[in-house]
């Protein structure tokens, strides 16, 4: 139970970081977002970034654009 709460807390914290990053940077590729966020926070796991993106998507906060070599994401 305790590890489940820690995991959920980490996801929630990551959601906030993703939201702030996109608010400041606008539309970016998912790979750039992940790379930049992990550069800012060495402890941040890519798995939590993906879960955070999923959370924000479920809340209808993101728009995705598929491009030939990448997918970009932005706040809506």
N, C-alpha and C. Protein backbone atom coordinates (compact mmCIF):
# COMPACT_ATOMS: atom_id res chain seq x y z
N UNK A 1 0.83 -1.20 0.00
CA UNK A 1 0.00 0.00 0.00
C UNK A 1 0.87 1.25 0.00
N UNK A 2 1.92 1.28 0.82
CA UNK A 2 2.77 2.45 0.92
C UNK A 2 3.47 2.73 -0.40
N UNK A 3 3.95 1.68 -1.09
CA UNK A 3 4.63 1.90 -2.37
C UNK A 3 3.65 2.36 -3.44
N UNK A 4 2.38 1.92 -3.35
CA UNK A 4 1.37 2.38 -4.30
C UNK A 4 1.14 3.88 -4.14
N UNK A 5 1.10 4.36 -2.91
CA UNK A 5 0.93 5.79 -2.66
C UNK A 5 2.13 6.58 -3.16
N UNK A 6 3.33 6.04 -2.93
CA UNK A 6 4.53 6.72 -3.39
C UNK A 6 4.53 6.81 -4.91
N UNK A 7 4.10 5.74 -5.56
CA UNK A 7 4.04 5.75 -7.03
C UNK A 7 3.02 6.77 -7.51
N UNK A 8 1.85 6.77 -6.91
CA UNK A 8 0.82 7.73 -7.32
C UNK A 8 1.29 9.16 -7.05
N UNK A 9 1.94 9.39 -5.94
CA UNK A 9 2.46 10.72 -5.64
C UNK A 9 3.49 11.15 -6.68
N UNK A 10 4.33 10.22 -7.13
CA UNK A 10 5.33 10.53 -8.15
C UNK A 10 4.66 10.86 -9.48
N UNK A 11 3.62 10.12 -9.83
CA UNK A 11 2.89 10.40 -11.07
C UNK A 11 2.27 11.78 -11.00
N UNK A 12 1.63 12.09 -9.89
CA UNK A 12 0.98 13.40 -9.73
C UNK A 12 2.01 14.52 -9.81
N UNK A 13 3.15 14.34 -9.17
CA UNK A 13 4.22 15.35 -9.24
C UNK A 13 4.71 15.52 -10.68
N UNK A 14 4.82 14.41 -11.39
CA UNK A 14 5.28 14.46 -12.78
C UNK A 14 4.26 15.16 -13.67
N UNK A 15 2.99 14.93 -13.41
CA UNK A 15 1.92 15.61 -14.16
C UNK A 15 2.11 17.13 -14.04
N UNK A 16 2.38 17.60 -12.83
CA UNK A 16 2.60 19.03 -12.63
C UNK A 16 3.81 19.53 -13.38
N UNK A 17 4.88 18.75 -13.38
CA UNK A 17 6.09 19.14 -14.09
C UNK A 17 5.85 19.19 -15.60
N UNK A 18 5.12 18.21 -16.12
CA UNK A 18 4.80 18.19 -17.56
C UNK A 18 3.97 19.42 -17.91
N UNK A 19 2.95 19.68 -17.12
CA UNK A 19 2.06 20.81 -17.38
C UNK A 19 2.86 22.12 -17.40
N UNK A 20 3.71 22.30 -16.40
CA UNK A 20 4.53 23.52 -16.33
C UNK A 20 5.48 23.61 -17.52
N UNK A 21 6.10 22.50 -17.88
CA UNK A 21 7.03 22.48 -19.01
C UNK A 21 6.31 22.90 -20.29
N UNK A 22 5.16 22.30 -20.55
CA UNK A 22 4.43 22.62 -21.78
C UNK A 22 3.88 24.05 -21.74
N UNK A 23 3.52 24.53 -20.57
CA UNK A 23 3.04 25.90 -20.43
C UNK A 23 4.15 26.89 -20.81
N UNK A 24 5.38 26.58 -20.44
CA UNK A 24 6.52 27.45 -20.73
C UNK A 24 7.06 27.28 -22.14
N UNK A 25 7.00 26.06 -22.69
CA UNK A 25 7.68 25.75 -23.95
C UNK A 25 6.76 25.57 -25.15
N UNK A 26 5.47 25.46 -24.93
CA UNK A 26 4.56 25.25 -26.05
C UNK A 26 4.69 23.85 -26.63
N UNK A 27 4.34 23.73 -27.89
CA UNK A 27 4.34 22.42 -28.56
C UNK A 27 5.76 21.90 -28.75
N UNK A 28 5.99 20.67 -28.31
CA UNK A 28 7.30 20.02 -28.44
C UNK A 28 7.09 18.55 -28.76
N UNK A 29 8.14 17.93 -29.27
CA UNK A 29 8.06 16.48 -29.49
C UNK A 29 8.09 15.79 -28.13
N UNK A 30 7.50 14.63 -28.07
CA UNK A 30 7.49 13.87 -26.83
C UNK A 30 8.91 13.51 -26.43
N UNK A 31 9.75 13.19 -27.40
CA UNK A 31 11.13 12.83 -27.07
C UNK A 31 11.89 14.03 -26.49
N UNK A 32 11.65 15.23 -27.01
CA UNK A 32 12.31 16.43 -26.46
C UNK A 32 11.80 16.71 -25.05
N UNK A 33 10.50 16.62 -24.86
CA UNK A 33 9.93 16.83 -23.54
C UNK A 33 10.58 15.88 -22.54
N UNK A 34 10.64 14.61 -22.89
CA UNK A 34 11.22 13.60 -22.00
C UNK A 34 12.69 13.88 -21.72
N UNK A 35 13.44 14.19 -22.76
CA UNK A 35 14.87 14.47 -22.62
C UNK A 35 15.11 15.69 -21.73
N UNK A 36 14.38 16.78 -21.99
CA UNK A 36 14.54 18.01 -21.22
C UNK A 36 14.14 17.81 -19.76
N UNK A 37 13.04 17.12 -19.54
CA UNK A 37 12.58 16.92 -18.17
C UNK A 37 13.55 16.04 -17.39
N UNK A 38 14.10 15.01 -18.03
CA UNK A 38 15.07 14.15 -17.34
C UNK A 38 16.39 14.88 -17.12
N UNK A 39 16.72 15.85 -17.97
CA UNK A 39 17.93 16.65 -17.76
C UNK A 39 17.75 17.58 -16.55
N UNK A 40 16.54 18.07 -16.35
CA UNK A 40 16.25 18.96 -15.22
C UNK A 40 16.14 18.18 -13.91
N UNK A 41 15.67 16.95 -13.99
CA UNK A 41 15.45 16.13 -12.79
C UNK A 41 16.02 14.74 -13.05
N UNK A 42 17.23 14.51 -12.62
CA UNK A 42 17.93 13.24 -12.88
C UNK A 42 17.19 12.04 -12.30
N UNK A 43 16.37 12.25 -11.27
CA UNK A 43 15.64 11.14 -10.64
C UNK A 43 14.35 10.78 -11.37
N UNK A 44 13.98 11.59 -12.35
CA UNK A 44 12.72 11.37 -13.06
C UNK A 44 12.85 10.21 -14.04
N UNK A 45 11.98 9.26 -13.92
CA UNK A 45 11.97 8.07 -14.76
C UNK A 45 11.05 8.31 -15.96
N UNK A 46 11.48 7.87 -17.14
CA UNK A 46 10.67 8.05 -18.34
C UNK A 46 9.30 7.40 -18.21
N UNK A 47 9.22 6.33 -17.45
CA UNK A 47 7.93 5.66 -17.23
C UNK A 47 6.93 6.64 -16.58
N UNK A 48 7.39 7.45 -15.63
CA UNK A 48 6.50 8.41 -14.98
C UNK A 48 6.09 9.52 -15.94
N UNK A 49 6.99 9.90 -16.83
CA UNK A 49 6.64 10.90 -17.85
C UNK A 49 5.52 10.36 -18.72
N UNK A 50 5.65 9.12 -19.16
CA UNK A 50 4.61 8.51 -19.99
C UNK A 50 3.29 8.39 -19.24
N UNK A 51 3.35 8.01 -17.96
CA UNK A 51 2.13 7.93 -17.17
C UNK A 51 1.51 9.31 -16.98
N UNK A 52 2.35 10.32 -16.79
CA UNK A 52 1.86 11.69 -16.65
C UNK A 52 1.19 12.19 -17.93
N UNK A 53 1.79 11.86 -19.07
CA UNK A 53 1.16 12.23 -20.35
C UNK A 53 -0.20 11.55 -20.49
N UNK A 54 -0.26 10.29 -20.09
CA UNK A 54 -1.53 9.56 -20.15
C UNK A 54 -2.57 10.19 -19.25
N UNK A 55 -2.17 10.59 -18.07
CA UNK A 55 -3.08 11.23 -17.10
C UNK A 55 -3.64 12.52 -17.71
N UNK A 56 -2.74 13.36 -18.23
CA UNK A 56 -3.18 14.63 -18.82
C UNK A 56 -4.04 14.40 -20.05
N UNK A 57 -3.75 13.35 -20.81
CA UNK A 57 -4.56 13.02 -21.98
C UNK A 57 -5.97 12.63 -21.55
N UNK A 58 -6.05 11.82 -20.53
CA UNK A 58 -7.35 11.37 -20.02
C UNK A 58 -8.18 12.55 -19.53
N UNK A 59 -7.51 13.57 -19.04
CA UNK A 59 -8.19 14.77 -18.56
C UNK A 59 -8.46 15.77 -19.70
N UNK A 60 -8.17 15.38 -20.94
CA UNK A 60 -8.36 16.24 -22.12
C UNK A 60 -7.58 17.54 -22.04
N UNK A 61 -6.36 17.48 -21.51
CA UNK A 61 -5.51 18.66 -21.38
C UNK A 61 -4.47 18.75 -22.49
N UNK A 62 -4.31 17.69 -23.31
CA UNK A 62 -3.26 17.65 -24.32
C UNK A 62 -3.82 17.41 -25.71
N UNK A 63 -3.10 17.93 -26.69
CA UNK A 63 -3.37 17.63 -28.10
C UNK A 63 -2.08 17.09 -28.70
N UNK A 64 -2.21 16.04 -29.49
CA UNK A 64 -1.06 15.40 -30.11
C UNK A 64 -1.12 15.62 -31.61
N UNK A 65 0.06 15.74 -32.22
CA UNK A 65 0.17 15.83 -33.67
C UNK A 65 1.21 14.82 -34.13
N UNK A 66 0.79 13.91 -34.99
CA UNK A 66 1.73 12.93 -35.54
C UNK A 66 2.45 13.54 -36.71
N UNK A 67 3.76 13.42 -36.69
CA UNK A 67 4.60 13.90 -37.78
C UNK A 67 5.37 12.70 -38.32
N UNK A 68 6.01 12.85 -39.47
CA UNK A 68 6.70 11.69 -40.05
C UNK A 68 7.70 11.00 -39.12
N UNK A 69 8.44 11.78 -38.33
CA UNK A 69 9.48 11.17 -37.50
C UNK A 69 9.24 11.34 -36.00
N UNK A 70 8.15 11.98 -35.62
CA UNK A 70 7.91 12.19 -34.19
C UNK A 70 6.44 12.50 -33.96
N UNK A 71 6.09 12.57 -32.70
CA UNK A 71 4.77 13.02 -32.28
C UNK A 71 4.97 14.20 -31.35
N UNK A 72 4.25 15.29 -31.61
CA UNK A 72 4.36 16.46 -30.74
C UNK A 72 3.14 16.51 -29.82
N UNK A 73 3.33 17.26 -28.74
CA UNK A 73 2.28 17.41 -27.74
C UNK A 73 2.23 18.86 -27.31
N UNK A 74 1.01 19.33 -27.00
CA UNK A 74 0.84 20.70 -26.50
C UNK A 74 -0.38 20.73 -25.60
N UNK A 75 -0.45 21.76 -24.78
CA UNK A 75 -1.62 21.95 -23.93
C UNK A 75 -2.78 22.48 -24.75
N UNK A 76 -3.99 22.11 -24.37
CA UNK A 76 -5.18 22.66 -25.03
C UNK A 76 -5.98 23.49 -24.05
